[in-house]
C-alpha cells in the first residue's frame, strides 16, 4: 500500500535518507491513513542521533522540544515535524515517563516500547509499511492490543489505560481480552496521573462513537476517576419514566447527545446526585426529588478535581442544574430562561433534555419530545422578533431613570424590575410605557 506523505514530511525523510540514515513516518499518522482518515501531523523515527540531527537539519529552524529523550522538532515549509531517534526506555518510576532512554540503531527496539500494535506501524516509500507487531491484522480485526505484555506497558505509563479506552471509544475497536484484563487489574495506577492528563483523555473518550459501551464495560475505571459515579451502579429507578438503572441511563444519555465534550460531560454528571435523594413511596415507586441540585453540587466537585477551565465549568454546572427544569410552552416562560442565560445555553438545555428523554423508557416519550420541539419553535420565534431579553434590550437606560430622580442604587433595581415586567408581558417595551410602569410600581416593588 502506498501512502501519500505531505511534502514537508517527505522532505524530512529524504534528507535523512540522503545522509545515510533510516527514517520512517510512524504511529498515528500511519494508522489513520490505513483507516482512511487524514492525519493531523506526521511523526518521524530514525537512527540518527539528536546531535547529528541538528547538523543534518542545520539549514532549518529547529526546536529542542524533547532533546533529552531524542526528539527534535524541525520546521520545514513552516510546518513543524517531530523527529525522534530510535530508543529503548529505562525504568518508569512515576508510571508516566522513563527515567532515562537509550538511543538505538535497530527499528525493532524502538517499536517494541510503543503502546498499542495499531500505533507501532512505520512507513517509507522504499520499504512500504513495516509491521512487526501484528498492527495490520489488529486494524483489520478492529482490535486495540498492547505491544508485548499489557501489564508492562501500563506499569510504564498508566495513561495508556485511558488511551486504550479512548481509542476503543473513538475508533469503535474492541479491546483485546488480555489488554482489557490488565486495564481492570491495574486501574489503580491512574492515581499517579495528573488531573489535566486524565481530563484530556476523558474528553476524547466521551466524544467517541462507542463511548456508551466503554463507559459500561469499564465502569470500575470510571469510578476510580470519578468516585461519585459508583453509587449510581445498579441503582434501580422503579418509575414509569425509566427502564434502566441510574448508571446505565447516564451512559445511554451520553451517547444520545452530539459529541461535544461539554455536553457529554454534562450528561455523565446530570443524574449523579440521585443516590443521595432516592425515596420509595408506599406503591414501590422511586422518586428523586431535588436530584438536580445535588447533581450540580457534585458536578462542581468533579469539574474542580479535573481542573477544567472556568467557562466550561460554569456551563456544565448550569446545564446540570437546569436539566430537569420543565417550563410550559409559553413565550414568557421561554423568554425568562433565555433572559437568565443566552440563546446558546437554551439550545444546549434543549439538547440535554432530549438526550435525557431518549435514555428513558418509552412512557410519554413522544409527548416529551413534542413539548421540547415546541419550546425550540418559540425560542426561534422570540429571537427572530428580537424581543427584549436583557437589560441592554430595554427601550430605557440608566440615564432615563436618573432623570426621574432615582439614585444609583435604585436605578439598578428599577431596570431589573422593568426587564421582569417586559418578559412577563406586564408592559410593552417602549420608553413611555416603561416610564409609566416604573412610576406606578417602583415604590411598591423595590422593597
Protein backbone atom coordinates (compact mmCIF):
# COMPACT_ATOMS: atom_id res chain seq x y z
CA UNK A 1 0.00 0.00 0.00
CA UNK A 2 1.30 3.43 -0.95
CA UNK A 3 0.78 6.32 1.46
CA UNK A 4 0.85 9.86 0.14
CA UNK A 5 3.11 11.72 2.54
CA UNK A 6 2.83 15.54 2.61
CA UNK A 7 5.75 17.43 1.09
CA UNK A 8 7.23 18.72 4.36
CA UNK A 9 7.38 15.22 5.93
CA UNK A 10 8.64 13.64 2.69
CA UNK A 11 11.42 16.26 2.58
CA UNK A 12 12.47 15.33 6.13
CA UNK A 13 12.61 11.64 5.19
CA UNK A 14 14.59 12.41 2.02
CA UNK A 15 17.15 14.49 3.92
CA UNK A 16 17.69 11.74 6.48
CA UNK A 17 17.93 9.05 3.79
CA UNK A 18 20.38 11.08 1.70
CA UNK A 19 22.60 11.36 4.76
CA UNK A 20 22.64 7.60 5.20
CA UNK A 21 20.07 7.21 7.95
CA UNK A 22 16.99 5.05 8.35
CA UNK A 23 13.78 7.07 8.59
CA UNK A 24 10.06 6.32 8.68
CA UNK A 25 6.79 8.04 9.42
CA UNK A 26 5.47 6.25 12.49
CA UNK A 27 2.49 5.77 14.77
CA UNK A 28 -0.83 7.54 14.50
CA UNK A 29 -0.28 9.01 11.04
CA UNK A 30 0.23 5.53 9.55
CA UNK A 31 -2.75 4.15 11.47
CA UNK A 32 -5.00 7.00 10.34
CA UNK A 33 -4.03 6.56 6.68
CA UNK A 34 -4.93 2.88 6.91
CA UNK A 35 -8.28 3.84 8.40
CA UNK A 36 -8.98 6.33 5.62
CA UNK A 37 -8.52 9.35 7.88
CA UNK A 38 -6.40 12.44 7.32
CA UNK A 39 -3.67 12.62 9.99
CA UNK A 40 -3.25 15.82 11.97
CA UNK A 41 0.53 15.55 11.99
CA UNK A 42 3.37 13.28 10.96
CA UNK A 43 5.98 11.94 13.38
CA UNK A 44 9.24 10.51 12.12
CA UNK A 45 11.55 7.97 13.74
CA UNK A 46 15.19 7.49 12.71
CA UNK A 47 18.51 6.02 13.80
CA UNK A 48 20.05 9.50 13.53
CA UNK A 49 21.02 10.77 16.98
CA UNK A 50 19.75 14.16 18.19
CA UNK A 51 23.18 15.79 17.91
CA UNK A 52 23.59 14.53 14.36
CA UNK A 53 20.02 15.63 13.56
CA UNK A 54 20.97 19.21 14.41
CA UNK A 55 23.76 19.00 11.84
CA UNK A 56 21.62 17.27 9.21
CA UNK A 57 18.92 19.94 9.54
CA UNK A 58 21.27 22.86 10.11
CA UNK A 59 19.63 24.86 7.31
CA UNK A 60 16.23 24.65 9.03
CA UNK A 61 14.94 26.17 12.22
CA UNK A 62 14.90 23.54 14.96
CA UNK A 63 13.36 23.42 18.43
CA UNK A 64 14.77 21.13 21.10
CA UNK A 65 11.33 20.08 22.37
CA UNK A 66 12.46 16.78 23.85
CA UNK A 67 16.11 16.51 23.01
CA UNK A 68 16.83 14.61 26.26
CA UNK A 69 14.51 11.84 25.06
CA UNK A 70 15.69 12.04 21.46
CA UNK A 71 13.11 14.35 19.91
CA UNK A 72 13.92 17.36 17.76
CA UNK A 73 11.21 19.49 16.14
CA UNK A 74 12.19 20.74 12.68
CA UNK A 75 10.28 23.47 10.84
CA UNK A 76 10.06 22.55 7.16
CA UNK A 77 7.98 24.73 4.86
CA UNK A 78 6.68 26.47 8.01
CA UNK A 79 5.33 23.19 9.33
CA UNK A 80 6.72 21.51 12.47
CA UNK A 81 7.65 17.85 12.27
CA UNK A 82 8.83 15.87 15.28
CA UNK A 83 11.80 13.60 14.56
CA UNK A 84 12.80 11.11 17.24
CA UNK A 85 15.78 8.81 17.49
CA UNK A 86 15.13 5.08 17.83
CA UNK A 87 15.25 4.40 21.55
CA UNK A 88 14.61 1.98 24.34
CA UNK A 89 13.34 3.20 27.67
CA UNK A 90 14.73 2.82 31.17
CA UNK A 91 12.61 2.44 34.30
CA UNK A 92 9.34 4.32 34.72
CA UNK A 93 9.33 5.08 38.45
CA UNK A 94 6.46 7.59 38.11
CA UNK A 95 4.32 5.40 35.80
CA UNK A 96 4.39 8.19 33.22
CA UNK A 97 7.80 8.93 31.67
CA UNK A 98 11.04 6.95 31.54
CA UNK A 99 13.78 7.98 33.96
CA UNK A 100 16.26 7.53 31.13
CA UNK A 101 16.42 6.47 27.49
CA UNK A 102 19.00 4.65 25.41
CA UNK A 103 19.37 5.55 21.75
CA UNK A 104 19.19 2.52 19.46
CA UNK A 105 20.19 1.67 15.92
CA UNK A 106 17.55 -1.04 15.37
CA UNK A 107 13.96 -0.11 14.46
CA UNK A 108 12.59 -3.12 16.35
CA UNK A 109 13.98 -1.78 19.63
CA UNK A 110 12.00 1.42 19.13
CA UNK A 111 8.74 -0.19 18.08
CA UNK A 112 8.56 -2.72 20.90
CA UNK A 113 8.37 0.08 23.52
CA UNK A 114 5.25 1.63 21.93
CA UNK A 115 1.79 1.38 23.47
CA UNK A 116 -0.51 -0.44 21.03
CA UNK A 117 0.06 -2.53 17.94
CA UNK A 118 -2.00 -0.16 15.79
CA UNK A 119 0.44 2.62 16.79
CA UNK A 120 3.58 0.56 16.14
CA UNK A 121 3.41 0.78 12.35
CA UNK A 122 6.04 2.52 10.19
CA UNK A 123 6.21 3.54 6.57
CA UNK A 124 8.52 4.95 3.96
CA UNK A 125 8.32 4.76 0.18
CA UNK A 126 11.31 2.44 -0.14
CA UNK A 127 10.08 -0.28 2.22
CA UNK A 128 6.34 0.32 2.37
CA UNK A 129 4.56 -0.50 5.63
CA UNK A 130 6.71 -2.07 8.33
CA UNK A 131 4.61 -4.13 10.76
CA UNK A 132 6.50 -6.05 13.45
CA UNK A 133 3.67 -6.49 15.97
CA UNK A 134 0.51 -7.53 14.05
CA UNK A 135 -0.73 -3.94 13.77
CA UNK A 136 -2.21 -4.51 10.31
CA UNK A 137 -4.05 -7.61 11.49
CA UNK A 138 -5.40 -5.79 14.54
CA UNK A 139 -6.64 -2.90 12.40
CA UNK A 140 -8.38 -5.39 10.11
CA UNK A 141 -9.92 -7.16 13.13
CA UNK A 142 -10.66 -3.83 14.86
CA UNK A 143 -8.69 -4.63 17.99
CA UNK A 144 -6.79 -2.50 20.48
CA UNK A 145 -3.92 -4.63 21.81
CA UNK A 146 -0.84 -3.64 23.76
CA UNK A 147 2.57 -4.27 22.23
CA UNK A 148 4.05 -7.13 24.25
CA UNK A 149 2.74 -7.66 27.78
CA UNK A 150 -0.01 -5.19 28.67
CA UNK A 151 0.95 -5.25 32.36
CA UNK A 152 4.40 -3.94 31.46
CA UNK A 153 3.06 -1.27 29.11
CA UNK A 154 0.67 0.04 31.79
CA UNK A 155 3.33 -0.09 34.52
CA UNK A 156 5.49 2.08 32.28
CA UNK A 157 2.80 4.64 31.51
CA UNK A 158 -0.51 4.41 33.35
CA UNK A 159 -2.11 6.92 30.99
CA UNK A 160 -2.11 4.10 28.43
CA UNK A 161 -5.03 2.60 30.36
CA UNK A 162 -7.18 5.58 29.43
CA UNK A 163 -5.68 5.78 25.95
CA UNK A 164 -6.78 2.19 25.27
CA UNK A 165 -10.31 3.05 26.38
CA UNK A 166 -10.25 6.25 24.33
CA UNK A 167 -9.03 4.55 21.14
CA UNK A 168 -11.71 1.89 21.58
CA UNK A 169 -14.41 4.53 22.05
CA UNK A 170 -13.27 6.72 19.16
CA UNK A 171 -12.37 4.02 16.62
CA UNK A 172 -15.09 1.59 17.64
CA UNK A 173 -12.48 -1.17 18.13
CA UNK A 174 -12.79 -3.86 20.80
CA UNK A 175 -10.05 -4.08 23.41
CA UNK A 176 -8.18 -7.39 23.28
CA UNK A 177 -9.10 -9.62 26.26
CA UNK A 178 -5.54 -9.63 27.67
CA UNK A 179 -5.33 -5.84 27.43
CA UNK A 180 -8.82 -5.46 28.90
CA UNK A 181 -7.96 -7.71 31.86
CA UNK A 182 -4.84 -5.65 32.56
CA UNK A 183 -6.90 -2.42 32.47
CA UNK A 184 -9.18 -3.73 35.21
CA UNK A 185 -6.30 -5.18 37.23
CA UNK A 186 -4.06 -2.11 37.05
CA UNK A 187 -6.56 0.75 37.11
CA UNK A 188 -5.15 1.98 40.44
CA UNK A 189 -2.06 3.12 38.53
CA UNK A 190 -4.15 6.01 37.20
CA UNK A 191 -3.78 7.66 40.61
CA UNK A 192 -0.25 8.59 39.51
CA UNK A 193 -1.56 10.58 36.52
CA UNK A 194 -2.26 14.32 36.69
CA UNK A 195 -5.83 15.59 36.58
CA UNK A 196 -5.09 17.57 33.42
CA UNK A 197 -3.93 14.44 31.56
CA UNK A 198 -6.94 12.44 32.72
CA UNK A 199 -9.30 15.24 31.68
CA UNK A 200 -7.73 15.46 28.21
CA UNK A 201 -8.25 11.72 27.59
CA UNK A 202 -11.71 11.70 29.17
CA UNK A 203 -12.90 14.49 26.85
CA UNK A 204 -11.89 12.49 23.78
CA UNK A 205 -13.29 9.25 25.18
CA UNK A 206 -16.67 10.79 25.90
CA UNK A 207 -16.90 12.09 22.32
CA UNK A 208 -16.19 8.68 20.81
CA UNK A 209 -18.88 6.96 18.80
CA UNK A 210 -18.72 3.97 21.15
CA UNK A 211 -18.42 5.92 24.41
CA UNK A 212 -21.50 4.23 25.88
CA UNK A 213 -20.00 0.76 25.54
CA UNK A 214 -16.70 1.79 27.11
CA UNK A 215 -18.41 3.60 29.99
CA UNK A 216 -20.41 0.47 30.74
CA UNK A 217 -17.62 -2.08 30.28
CA UNK A 218 -15.07 -0.09 32.28
CA UNK A 219 -17.28 1.39 34.97
CA UNK A 220 -14.70 0.43 37.61
CA UNK A 221 -12.13 2.63 35.88
CA UNK A 222 -14.64 5.46 35.59
CA UNK A 223 -15.35 5.18 39.32
CA UNK A 224 -11.64 5.47 40.05
CA UNK A 225 -11.54 8.80 38.20
CA UNK A 226 -14.99 9.98 39.36
CA UNK A 227 -15.79 8.13 42.61
CA UNK A 228 -19.23 9.78 42.85
CA UNK A 229 -20.37 7.59 39.93
CA UNK A 230 -20.07 4.34 41.86
CA UNK A 231 -23.29 4.72 43.92
CA UNK A 232 -25.15 5.01 40.59
CA UNK A 233 -24.11 1.50 39.53
CA UNK A 234 -27.13 -0.78 39.61
CA UNK A 235 -29.31 1.80 41.39
CA UNK A 236 -32.75 0.88 40.10
CA UNK A 237 -35.30 3.55 39.13
CA UNK A 238 -38.63 1.92 39.76
CA UNK A 239 -40.55 4.57 37.92
CA UNK A 240 -42.69 4.58 34.72
CA UNK A 241 -40.32 7.11 33.15
CA UNK A 242 -37.28 4.86 33.49
CA UNK A 243 -36.29 1.39 32.31
CA UNK A 244 -32.60 1.42 33.26
CA UNK A 245 -30.62 1.75 36.47
CA UNK A 246 -29.15 5.21 37.05
CA UNK A 247 -25.68 4.50 35.64
CA UNK A 248 -26.97 2.74 32.52
CA UNK A 249 -29.35 5.67 31.96
CA UNK A 250 -26.40 8.06 32.33
CA UNK A 251 -24.33 6.13 29.77
CA UNK A 252 -27.19 5.98 27.27
CA UNK A 253 -27.81 9.70 27.69
CA UNK A 254 -24.14 10.40 26.89
CA UNK A 255 -24.47 8.65 23.54
CA UNK A 256 -27.78 10.39 22.85
CA UNK A 257 -26.27 13.87 22.58
CA UNK A 258 -23.93 15.31 19.95
CA UNK A 259 -20.21 14.66 20.53
CA UNK A 260 -19.39 17.96 22.20
CA UNK A 261 -17.33 17.22 25.31
CA UNK A 262 -19.06 19.85 27.48
CA UNK A 263 -22.47 18.38 26.64
CA UNK A 264 -21.29 14.81 27.06
CA UNK A 265 -19.69 15.53 30.43
CA UNK A 266 -22.94 17.26 31.40
CA UNK A 267 -24.83 14.05 30.63
CA UNK A 268 -22.28 11.98 32.57
CA UNK A 269 -22.96 14.15 35.62
CA UNK A 270 -26.61 15.13 35.20
CA UNK A 271 -28.07 12.40 37.46
CA UNK A 272 -25.01 11.72 39.62
CA UNK A 273 -26.82 13.09 42.69
CA UNK A 274 -29.74 10.63 42.50
CA UNK A 275 -28.34 8.12 45.01
CA UNK A 276 -28.35 10.84 47.67
CA UNK A 277 -32.06 11.66 47.36
CA UNK A 278 -33.78 8.41 46.39
CA UNK A 279 -37.04 7.68 48.19
CA UNK A 280 -39.61 4.94 47.63
CA UNK A 281 -43.33 5.54 48.20
CA UNK A 282 -45.94 3.10 49.51
CA UNK A 283 -46.53 1.77 45.98
CA UNK A 284 -42.85 0.96 45.49
CA UNK A 285 -42.32 3.86 43.07
CA UNK A 286 -38.90 5.56 43.29
CA UNK A 287 -38.61 9.34 43.46
CA UNK A 288 -35.54 11.56 43.19
CA UNK A 289 -36.71 15.00 44.28
CA UNK A 290 -34.03 17.75 44.24
CA UNK A 291 -31.61 15.43 42.44
CA UNK A 292 -30.67 18.20 40.01
CA UNK A 293 -29.42 20.39 42.88
CA UNK A 294 -27.42 17.51 44.37
CA UNK A 295 -26.06 16.63 40.94
CA UNK A 296 -24.96 20.22 40.39
CA UNK A 297 -23.12 20.21 43.72
CA UNK A 298 -21.30 17.01 42.77
CA UNK A 299 -20.60 18.37 39.27
CA UNK A 300 -18.78 21.27 40.92
CA UNK A 301 -16.60 18.79 42.82
CA UNK A 302 -15.86 16.74 39.70
CA UNK A 303 -15.04 19.65 37.40
CA UNK A 304 -12.78 21.11 40.08
CA UNK A 305 -10.94 17.81 40.53
CA UNK A 306 -10.45 17.57 36.74
CA UNK A 307 -9.18 21.17 36.72
CA UNK A 308 -11.41 22.24 33.84
CA UNK A 309 -11.42 25.84 32.62
CA UNK A 310 -13.83 28.21 34.34
CA UNK A 311 -16.02 28.82 31.28
CA UNK A 312 -16.65 25.10 30.74
CA UNK A 313 -17.25 24.54 34.44
CA UNK A 314 -19.90 27.26 34.59
CA UNK A 315 -21.67 25.87 31.52
CA UNK A 316 -21.68 22.31 32.87
CA UNK A 317 -22.87 23.36 36.33
CA UNK A 318 -25.77 25.39 34.90
CA UNK A 319 -26.83 22.66 32.46
CA UNK A 320 -26.80 20.02 35.19
CA UNK A 321 -28.83 22.30 37.46
CA UNK A 322 -31.41 23.08 34.74
CA UNK A 323 -31.55 19.65 33.06
CA UNK A 324 -34.85 18.78 34.74
CA UNK A 325 -36.32 22.29 34.63
CA UNK A 326 -39.67 21.94 32.88
CA UNK A 327 -41.25 25.10 31.60
CA UNK A 328 -44.65 25.50 29.94
CA UNK A 329 -44.65 26.07 26.19
CA UNK A 330 -45.37 29.78 26.51
CA UNK A 331 -43.39 32.71 25.20
CA UNK A 332 -42.94 34.36 28.56
CA UNK A 333 -41.60 31.13 30.10
CA UNK A 334 -39.14 30.68 27.27
CA UNK A 335 -38.14 34.34 27.48
CA UNK A 336 -37.43 34.01 31.20
CA UNK A 337 -34.96 31.16 30.62
CA UNK A 338 -33.42 32.90 27.61
CA UNK A 339 -33.04 36.03 29.71
CA UNK A 340 -31.44 34.12 32.59
CA UNK A 341 -28.81 32.64 30.28
CA UNK A 342 -28.47 33.13 26.49
CA UNK A 343 -29.56 31.62 23.16
CA UNK A 344 -26.65 29.18 23.01
CA UNK A 345 -27.40 27.93 26.51
CA UNK A 346 -31.08 27.46 25.68
CA UNK A 347 -30.14 25.33 22.66
CA UNK A 348 -27.85 23.23 24.88
CA UNK A 349 -30.58 22.97 27.51
CA UNK A 350 -32.96 21.53 24.89
CA UNK A 351 -30.27 19.12 23.67
CA UNK A 352 -29.66 17.92 27.24
CA UNK A 353 -33.37 17.41 27.88
CA UNK A 354 -33.77 15.49 24.60
CA UNK A 355 -30.82 13.22 25.42
CA UNK A 356 -32.23 12.65 28.90
CA UNK A 357 -35.61 11.71 27.38
CA UNK A 358 -34.09 9.37 24.79
CA UNK A 359 -32.32 7.46 27.59
CA UNK A 360 -35.60 6.92 29.46
CA UNK A 361 -38.45 4.47 28.89
CA UNK A 362 -40.94 4.90 26.06
CA UNK A 363 -43.54 6.18 28.55
CA UNK A 364 -44.75 9.56 27.24
CA UNK A 365 -41.62 9.88 25.09
CA UNK A 366 -43.39 11.29 22.04
CA UNK A 367 -45.20 13.85 24.16
CA UNK A 368 -41.99 14.91 25.91
CA UNK A 369 -40.11 15.34 22.64
CA UNK A 370 -43.02 17.24 21.08
CA UNK A 371 -43.01 19.66 24.01
CA UNK A 372 -39.28 20.26 23.52
CA UNK A 373 -39.86 20.87 19.81
CA UNK A 374 -42.47 23.48 20.71
CA UNK A 375 -40.05 25.18 23.14
CA UNK A 376 -37.47 25.32 20.37
CA UNK A 377 -40.01 26.83 17.97
CA UNK A 378 -40.94 29.52 20.49
CA UNK A 379 -37.30 30.33 21.17
CA UNK A 380 -36.63 30.70 17.44
CA UNK A 381 -39.66 32.97 17.13
CA UNK A 382 -38.53 35.13 20.07
CA UNK A 383 -35.06 35.52 18.59
CA UNK A 384 -36.42 36.33 15.11
CA UNK A 385 -38.65 39.01 16.60
CA UNK A 386 -35.74 40.45 18.60
CA UNK A 387 -37.87 40.52 21.72
CA UNK A 388 -36.41 42.12 24.83
CA UNK A 389 -34.40 39.59 26.84
CA UNK A 390 -31.65 41.57 28.57
CA UNK A 391 -31.18 44.97 30.19
CA UNK A 392 -29.45 46.25 27.08
CA UNK A 393 -32.60 45.47 25.06
CA UNK A 394 -34.80 47.79 27.14
CA UNK A 395 -36.09 50.98 25.49
CA UNK A 396 -34.83 52.93 28.53
CA UNK A 397 -31.45 53.14 30.21
CA UNK A 398 -29.95 54.36 33.45
CA UNK A 399 -29.94 57.98 32.35
CA UNK A 400 -33.70 57.86 31.77
CA UNK A 401 -34.26 56.59 35.30
CA UNK A 402 -31.80 59.10 36.72
CA UNK A 403 -33.83 61.87 35.09
CA UNK A 404 -36.81 60.66 37.13
CA UNK A 405 -34.80 61.27 40.30
CA UNK A 406 -33.68 57.70 41.08
CA UNK A 407 -30.31 57.27 42.78
CA UNK A 408 -27.61 54.88 41.57
CA UNK A 409 -28.78 52.04 43.83
CA UNK A 410 -32.40 52.33 42.76
CA UNK A 411 -31.52 52.66 39.07
CA UNK A 412 -30.27 49.05 39.02
CA UNK A 413 -33.37 47.83 40.84
CA UNK A 414 -35.61 49.81 38.51
CA UNK A 415 -34.04 48.43 35.34
CA UNK A 416 -34.31 44.87 36.63
CA UNK A 417 -37.95 45.45 37.57
CA UNK A 418 -38.71 46.78 34.08
CA UNK A 419 -36.98 43.82 32.42
CA UNK A 420 -39.01 41.38 34.50
CA UNK A 421 -42.20 43.27 33.64
CA UNK A 422 -41.48 43.18 29.91
CA UNK A 423 -40.59 39.47 29.95
CA UNK A 424 -43.72 38.67 31.96
CA UNK A 425 -45.78 40.71 29.46
CA UNK A 426 -46.92 43.27 32.06
CA UNK A 427 -45.85 46.20 29.90
CA UNK A 428 -44.65 46.98 26.38
CA UNK A 429 -41.01 47.66 25.68
CA UNK A 430 -41.33 51.27 24.64
CA UNK A 431 -39.94 54.24 26.53
CA UNK A 432 -43.15 55.90 27.66
CA UNK A 433 -44.83 52.66 28.69
CA UNK A 434 -41.78 51.67 30.71
CA UNK A 435 -41.50 55.00 32.47
CA UNK A 436 -45.21 55.00 33.26
CA UNK A 437 -44.95 51.45 34.65
CA UNK A 438 -41.97 52.46 36.76
CA UNK A 439 -43.76 55.48 38.24
CA UNK A 440 -46.77 53.39 39.16
CA UNK A 441 -44.97 50.35 40.59
CA UNK A 442 -41.44 51.15 41.70
CA UNK A 443 -42.12 52.30 45.26
CA UNK A 444 -44.36 49.29 45.85
CA UNK A 445 -41.98 46.68 44.42
CA UNK A 446 -38.49 47.97 45.25
CA UNK A 447 -38.56 46.52 48.74
